[in-house]
């Protein structure tokens, strides 16, 4: 499981870096061409948009790994240890099943788009390539959800990863009358 985690980290990191850089360069090039040379760069915005789509779907997978997605756990946190863990395992299994369903659905949608032979307006790229980002993102999210489930079962995962993730963004609020 550690090898899979490491491999996914590298793939996700590389793809996100690549798409973010291409997006930034395309937008910069478009702005320079339009404002300096008064030349239209017709496909720059489209390229940036499609990079953002891929970046977003891969980012979903990264969010699954970090436990960064929204969850309502107020009631779960009140439960005793073993029941709490059981609820978390069931929750992870349900999330995994949803990601499996979304992966299958994304494959069907992408294959449907492929059959239409639709291409993008400016770059003339087959649209199924853009939609393939949905497949990659959902597949990676499925793998991350399986990892989270296995980690929860084997006690490797934090009991409340959302709280750990959120804690890095919050500071302790001083009480009234505290001069610190």
C-alpha atoms as a PDB file:
ATOM      1  CA  UNK A   1       0.000   0.000   0.000  1.00  0.00           C
ATOM      2  CA  UNK A   2       2.952   2.331   0.662  1.00  0.00           C
ATOM      3  CA  UNK A   3       4.266   1.836  -2.877  1.00  0.00           C
ATOM      4  CA  UNK A   4       0.862   2.715  -4.318  1.00  0.00           C
ATOM      5  CA  UNK A   5       0.699   5.802  -2.101  1.00  0.00           C
ATOM      6  CA  UNK A   6       4.158   6.911  -3.187  1.00  0.00           C
ATOM      7  CA  UNK A   7       3.403   6.259  -6.860  1.00  0.00           C
ATOM      8  CA  UNK A   8       0.112   8.172  -6.702  1.00  0.00           C
ATOM      9  CA  UNK A   9       1.834  11.057  -4.894  1.00  0.00           C
ATOM     10  CA  UNK A  10       4.407  11.312  -7.682  1.00  0.00           C
ATOM     11  CA  UNK A  11       1.861  11.047 -10.499  1.00  0.00           C
ATOM     12  CA  UNK A  12      -0.554  13.523  -8.914  1.00  0.00           C
ATOM     13  CA  UNK A  13       2.227  15.954  -8.074  1.00  0.00           C
ATOM     14  CA  UNK A  14       3.758  15.767 -11.536  1.00  0.00           C
ATOM     15  CA  UNK A  15       0.427  16.158 -13.340  1.00  0.00           C
ATOM     16  CA  UNK A  16      -0.711  19.032 -11.127  1.00  0.00           C
ATOM     17  CA  UNK A  17       2.608  20.829 -11.567  1.00  0.00           C
ATOM     18  CA  UNK A  18       2.543  20.277 -15.318  1.00  0.00           C
ATOM     19  CA  UNK A  19      -1.037  21.494 -15.764  1.00  0.00           C
ATOM     20  CA  UNK A  20      -0.534  24.500 -13.466  1.00  0.00           C
ATOM     21  CA  UNK A  21       2.632  25.560 -15.318  1.00  0.00           C
ATOM     22  CA  UNK A  22       1.090  25.104 -18.772  1.00  0.00           C
ATOM     23  CA  UNK A  23      -1.955  27.066 -17.636  1.00  0.00           C
ATOM     24  CA  UNK A  24       0.160  29.924 -16.261  1.00  0.00           C
ATOM     25  CA  UNK A  25       2.382  30.105 -19.358  1.00  0.00           C
ATOM     26  CA  UNK A  26      -0.611  30.009 -21.729  1.00  0.00           C
ATOM     27  CA  UNK A  27      -2.335  32.865 -19.895  1.00  0.00           C
ATOM     28  CA  UNK A  28       0.886  34.890 -19.670  1.00  0.00           C
ATOM     29  CA  UNK A  29       1.580  34.366 -23.372  1.00  0.00           C
ATOM     30  CA  UNK A  30      -1.984  35.365 -24.223  1.00  0.00           C
ATOM     31  CA  UNK A  31      -1.795  38.563 -22.170  1.00  0.00           C
ATOM     32  CA  UNK A  32       1.589  39.539 -23.650  1.00  0.00           C
ATOM     33  CA  UNK A  33       0.436  38.850 -27.204  1.00  0.00           C
ATOM     34  CA  UNK A  34      -2.824  40.737 -26.796  1.00  0.00           C
ATOM     35  CA  UNK A  35      -1.492  43.774 -24.917  1.00  0.00           C
ATOM     36  CA  UNK A  36       1.974  44.146 -26.404  1.00  0.00           C
ATOM     37  CA  UNK A  37       1.740  42.908 -29.964  1.00  0.00           C
ATOM     38  CA  UNK A  38      -2.029  43.275 -30.483  1.00  0.00           C
ATOM     39  CA  UNK A  39      -2.022  39.708 -31.824  1.00  0.00           C
ATOM     40  CA  UNK A  40      -4.801  37.329 -30.906  1.00  0.00           C
ATOM     41  CA  UNK A  41      -3.734  34.112 -29.252  1.00  0.00           C
ATOM     42  CA  UNK A  42      -6.977  32.303 -29.908  1.00  0.00           C
ATOM     43  CA  UNK A  43      -6.346  28.996 -28.210  1.00  0.00           C
ATOM     44  CA  UNK A  44      -4.524  30.176 -25.055  1.00  0.00           C
ATOM     45  CA  UNK A  45      -7.655  30.633 -22.991  1.00  0.00           C
ATOM     46  CA  UNK A  46      -9.010  27.272 -24.118  1.00  0.00           C
ATOM     47  CA  UNK A  47      -5.754  25.513 -23.227  1.00  0.00           C
ATOM     48  CA  UNK A  48      -5.747  27.162 -19.796  1.00  0.00           C
ATOM     49  CA  UNK A  49      -9.368  26.137 -19.220  1.00  0.00           C
ATOM     50  CA  UNK A  50      -8.692  22.505 -20.072  1.00  0.00           C
ATOM     51  CA  UNK A  51      -5.589  22.451 -17.869  1.00  0.00           C
ATOM     52  CA  UNK A  52      -7.750  23.788 -15.032  1.00  0.00           C
ATOM     53  CA  UNK A  53     -10.287  21.005 -15.603  1.00  0.00           C
ATOM     54  CA  UNK A  54      -7.584  18.331 -15.333  1.00  0.00           C
ATOM     55  CA  UNK A  55      -6.038  20.091 -12.337  1.00  0.00           C
ATOM     56  CA  UNK A  56      -9.384  20.174 -10.538  1.00  0.00           C
ATOM     57  CA  UNK A  57     -10.159  16.487 -11.033  1.00  0.00           C
ATOM     58  CA  UNK A  58      -6.682  15.400  -9.930  1.00  0.00           C
ATOM     59  CA  UNK A  59      -7.012  17.775  -6.978  1.00  0.00           C
ATOM     60  CA  UNK A  60     -10.094  15.852  -5.842  1.00  0.00           C
ATOM     61  CA  UNK A  61      -7.874  12.808  -5.382  1.00  0.00           C
ATOM     62  CA  UNK A  62      -5.340  14.792  -3.376  1.00  0.00           C
ATOM     63  CA  UNK A  63      -8.197  16.045  -1.193  1.00  0.00           C
ATOM     64  CA  UNK A  64      -9.333  12.459  -0.583  1.00  0.00           C
ATOM     65  CA  UNK A  65      -5.829  11.510   0.539  1.00  0.00           C
ATOM     66  CA  UNK A  66      -5.552  14.451   2.938  1.00  0.00           C
ATOM     67  CA  UNK A  67      -9.074  14.040   4.299  1.00  0.00           C
ATOM     68  CA  UNK A  68      -9.780  17.586   3.144  1.00  0.00           C
ATOM     69  CA  UNK A  69     -13.274  17.072   1.770  1.00  0.00           C
ATOM     70  CA  UNK A  70     -16.242  18.339   3.725  1.00  0.00           C
ATOM     71  CA  UNK A  71     -17.729  15.895   6.179  1.00  0.00           C
ATOM     72  CA  UNK A  72     -20.236  16.155   8.984  1.00  0.00           C
ATOM     73  CA  UNK A  73     -18.688  14.399  11.928  1.00  0.00           C
ATOM     74  CA  UNK A  74     -20.161  16.215  14.912  1.00  0.00           C
ATOM     75  CA  UNK A  75     -22.291  13.202  15.901  1.00  0.00           C
ATOM     76  CA  UNK A  76     -19.559  10.675  15.054  1.00  0.00           C
ATOM     77  CA  UNK A  77     -17.104  12.439  17.369  1.00  0.00           C
ATOM     78  CA  UNK A  78     -19.516  11.921  20.284  1.00  0.00           C
ATOM     79  CA  UNK A  79     -19.536   8.136  19.825  1.00  0.00           C
ATOM     80  CA  UNK A  80     -17.378   5.762  21.874  1.00  0.00           C
ATOM     81  CA  UNK A  81     -14.136   4.473  20.290  1.00  0.00           C
ATOM     82  CA  UNK A  82     -15.178   1.169  18.689  1.00  0.00           C
ATOM     83  CA  UNK A  83     -18.529   2.453  17.430  1.00  0.00           C
ATOM     84  CA  UNK A  84     -16.815   5.574  16.103  1.00  0.00           C
ATOM     85  CA  UNK A  85     -14.296   3.470  14.206  1.00  0.00           C
ATOM     86  CA  UNK A  86     -17.073   1.265  12.808  1.00  0.00           C
ATOM     87  CA  UNK A  87     -18.993   4.283  11.565  1.00  0.00           C
ATOM     88  CA  UNK A  88     -15.818   5.653   9.965  1.00  0.00           C
ATOM     89  CA  UNK A  89     -15.156   2.347   8.212  1.00  0.00           C
ATOM     90  CA  UNK A  90     -18.725   2.174   6.894  1.00  0.00           C
ATOM     91  CA  UNK A  91     -18.443   5.804   5.774  1.00  0.00           C
ATOM     92  CA  UNK A  92     -15.179   5.078   3.943  1.00  0.00           C
ATOM     93  CA  UNK A  93     -16.699   2.020   2.245  1.00  0.00           C
ATOM     94  CA  UNK A  94     -19.679   4.104   1.072  1.00  0.00           C
ATOM     95  CA  UNK A  95     -17.356   6.845  -0.240  1.00  0.00           C
ATOM     96  CA  UNK A  96     -15.283   4.201  -2.049  1.00  0.00           C
ATOM     97  CA  UNK A  97     -18.425   2.758  -3.647  1.00  0.00           C
ATOM     98  CA  UNK A  98     -19.454   6.249  -4.785  1.00  0.00           C
ATOM     99  CA  UNK A  99     -16.048   6.860  -6.364  1.00  0.00           C
ATOM    100  CA  UNK A 100     -16.217   3.490  -8.124  1.00  0.00           C
ATOM    101  CA  UNK A 101     -19.628   4.437  -9.504  1.00  0.00           C
ATOM    102  CA  UNK A 102     -18.323   7.875 -10.578  1.00  0.00           C
ATOM    103  CA  UNK A 103     -15.338   6.243 -12.287  1.00  0.00           C
ATOM    104  CA  UNK A 104     -17.610   3.938 -14.285  1.00  0.00           C
ATOM    105  CA  UNK A 105     -19.910   6.841 -15.101  1.00  0.00           C
ATOM    106  CA  UNK A 106     -16.995   9.014 -16.220  1.00  0.00           C
ATOM    107  CA  UNK A 107     -15.799   6.244 -18.551  1.00  0.00           C
ATOM    108  CA  UNK A 108     -19.276   6.007 -20.074  1.00  0.00           C
ATOM    109  CA  UNK A 109     -19.512   9.780 -20.513  1.00  0.00           C
ATOM    110  CA  UNK A 110     -16.056  10.016 -22.086  1.00  0.00           C
ATOM    111  CA  UNK A 111     -16.769   7.150 -24.478  1.00  0.00           C
ATOM    112  CA  UNK A 112     -20.038   8.835 -25.422  1.00  0.00           C
ATOM    113  CA  UNK A 113     -18.208  12.084 -26.169  1.00  0.00           C
ATOM    114  CA  UNK A 114     -15.658  10.142 -28.216  1.00  0.00           C
ATOM    115  CA  UNK A 115     -18.423   8.726 -30.411  1.00  0.00           C
ATOM    116  CA  UNK A 116     -19.619  12.244 -31.292  1.00  0.00           C
ATOM    117  CA  UNK A 117     -16.181  13.155 -32.731  1.00  0.00           C
ATOM    118  CA  UNK A 118     -16.566  16.562 -31.089  1.00  0.00           C
ATOM    119  CA  UNK A 119     -13.476  18.793 -31.121  1.00  0.00           C
ATOM    120  CA  UNK A 120     -12.679  21.955 -29.211  1.00  0.00           C
ATOM    121  CA  UNK A 121     -13.367  25.210 -31.075  1.00  0.00           C
ATOM    122  CA  UNK A 122      -9.913  26.811 -31.047  1.00  0.00           C
ATOM    123  CA  UNK A 123      -7.390  23.987 -30.679  1.00  0.00           C
ATOM    124  CA  UNK A 124      -9.372  21.323 -32.540  1.00  0.00           C
ATOM    125  CA  UNK A 125      -8.484  18.787 -29.817  1.00  0.00           C
ATOM    126  CA  UNK A 126     -10.880  15.848 -29.486  1.00  0.00           C
ATOM    127  CA  UNK A 127     -13.112  16.629 -26.511  1.00  0.00           C
ATOM    128  CA  UNK A 128     -12.807  13.113 -25.111  1.00  0.00           C
ATOM    129  CA  UNK A 129      -9.202  14.013 -24.196  1.00  0.00           C
ATOM    130  CA  UNK A 130     -10.525  16.842 -22.028  1.00  0.00           C
ATOM    131  CA  UNK A 131     -13.161  14.535 -20.529  1.00  0.00           C
ATOM    132  CA  UNK A 132     -10.487  11.918 -19.809  1.00  0.00           C
ATOM    133  CA  UNK A 133      -9.440  14.131 -16.893  1.00  0.00           C
ATOM    134  CA  UNK A 134     -12.686  13.072 -15.257  1.00  0.00           C
ATOM    135  CA  UNK A 135     -11.715   9.402 -15.583  1.00  0.00           C
ATOM    136  CA  UNK A 136      -8.206   9.978 -14.218  1.00  0.00           C
ATOM    137  CA  UNK A 137      -9.456  12.068 -11.295  1.00  0.00           C
ATOM    138  CA  UNK A 138     -12.212   9.640 -10.302  1.00  0.00           C
ATOM    139  CA  UNK A 139      -9.934   6.611 -10.683  1.00  0.00           C
ATOM    140  CA  UNK A 140      -7.253   8.196  -8.496  1.00  0.00           C
ATOM    141  CA  UNK A 141      -9.950   9.224  -5.993  1.00  0.00           C
ATOM    142  CA  UNK A 142     -11.183   5.623  -5.914  1.00  0.00           C
ATOM    143  CA  UNK A 143      -7.667   4.398  -5.155  1.00  0.00           C
ATOM    144  CA  UNK A 144      -7.275   7.040  -2.435  1.00  0.00           C
ATOM    145  CA  UNK A 145     -10.640   6.100  -0.907  1.00  0.00           C
ATOM    146  CA  UNK A 146      -9.601   2.429  -0.838  1.00  0.00           C
ATOM    147  CA  UNK A 147      -6.356   3.490   0.867  1.00  0.00           C
ATOM    148  CA  UNK A 148      -8.302   5.520   3.434  1.00  0.00           C
ATOM    149  CA  UNK A 149     -10.559   2.537   4.147  1.00  0.00           C
ATOM    150  CA  UNK A 150      -7.638   0.131   4.567  1.00  0.00           C
ATOM    151  CA  UNK A 151      -5.820   2.653   6.771  1.00  0.00           C
ATOM    152  CA  UNK A 152      -8.928   3.158   8.906  1.00  0.00           C
ATOM    153  CA  UNK A 153      -9.361  -0.600   9.342  1.00  0.00           C
ATOM    154  CA  UNK A 154      -5.690  -1.062  10.266  1.00  0.00           C
ATOM    155  CA  UNK A 155      -5.646   2.010  12.582  1.00  0.00           C
ATOM    156  CA  UNK A 156      -3.064   3.838  10.452  1.00  0.00           C
ATOM    157  CA  UNK A 157      -5.396   6.700   9.667  1.00  0.00           C
ATOM    158  CA  UNK A 158      -6.166   9.484  12.113  1.00  0.00           C
ATOM    159  CA  UNK A 159      -9.525   9.149  13.822  1.00  0.00           C
ATOM    160  CA  UNK A 160     -10.503  12.576  12.529  1.00  0.00           C
ATOM    161  CA  UNK A 161      -8.372  13.642   9.543  1.00  0.00           C
ATOM    162  CA  UNK A 162     -10.662  16.619   8.892  1.00  0.00           C
ATOM    163  CA  UNK A 163      -9.836  18.084  12.292  1.00  0.00           C
ATOM    164  CA  UNK A 164      -6.111  17.574  11.686  1.00  0.00           C
ATOM    165  CA  UNK A 165      -6.357  19.211   8.260  1.00  0.00           C
ATOM    166  CA  UNK A 166      -8.412  22.129   9.575  1.00  0.00           C
ATOM    167  CA  UNK A 167      -6.074  22.700  12.520  1.00  0.00           C
ATOM    168  CA  UNK A 168      -3.343  23.958  10.219  1.00  0.00           C
ATOM    169  CA  UNK A 169      -5.580  26.875   9.192  1.00  0.00           C
ATOM    170  CA  UNK A 170      -6.906  27.906  12.585  1.00  0.00           C
ATOM    171  CA  UNK A 171      -5.277  29.616  15.509  1.00  0.00           C
ATOM    172  CA  UNK A 172      -6.261  29.443  19.115  1.00  0.00           C
ATOM    173  CA  UNK A 173      -8.620  32.320  19.780  1.00  0.00           C
ATOM    174  CA  UNK A 174      -7.741  34.231  22.946  1.00  0.00           C
ATOM    175  CA  UNK A 175     -10.470  34.407  25.575  1.00  0.00           C
ATOM    176  CA  UNK A 176     -11.891  37.687  26.783  1.00  0.00           C
ATOM    177  CA  UNK A 177      -9.678  39.211  29.408  1.00  0.00           C
ATOM    178  CA  UNK A 178      -6.594  37.364  28.077  1.00  0.00           C
ATOM    179  CA  UNK A 179      -3.798  39.802  27.335  1.00  0.00           C
ATOM    180  CA  UNK A 180      -1.766  37.209  25.422  1.00  0.00           C
END
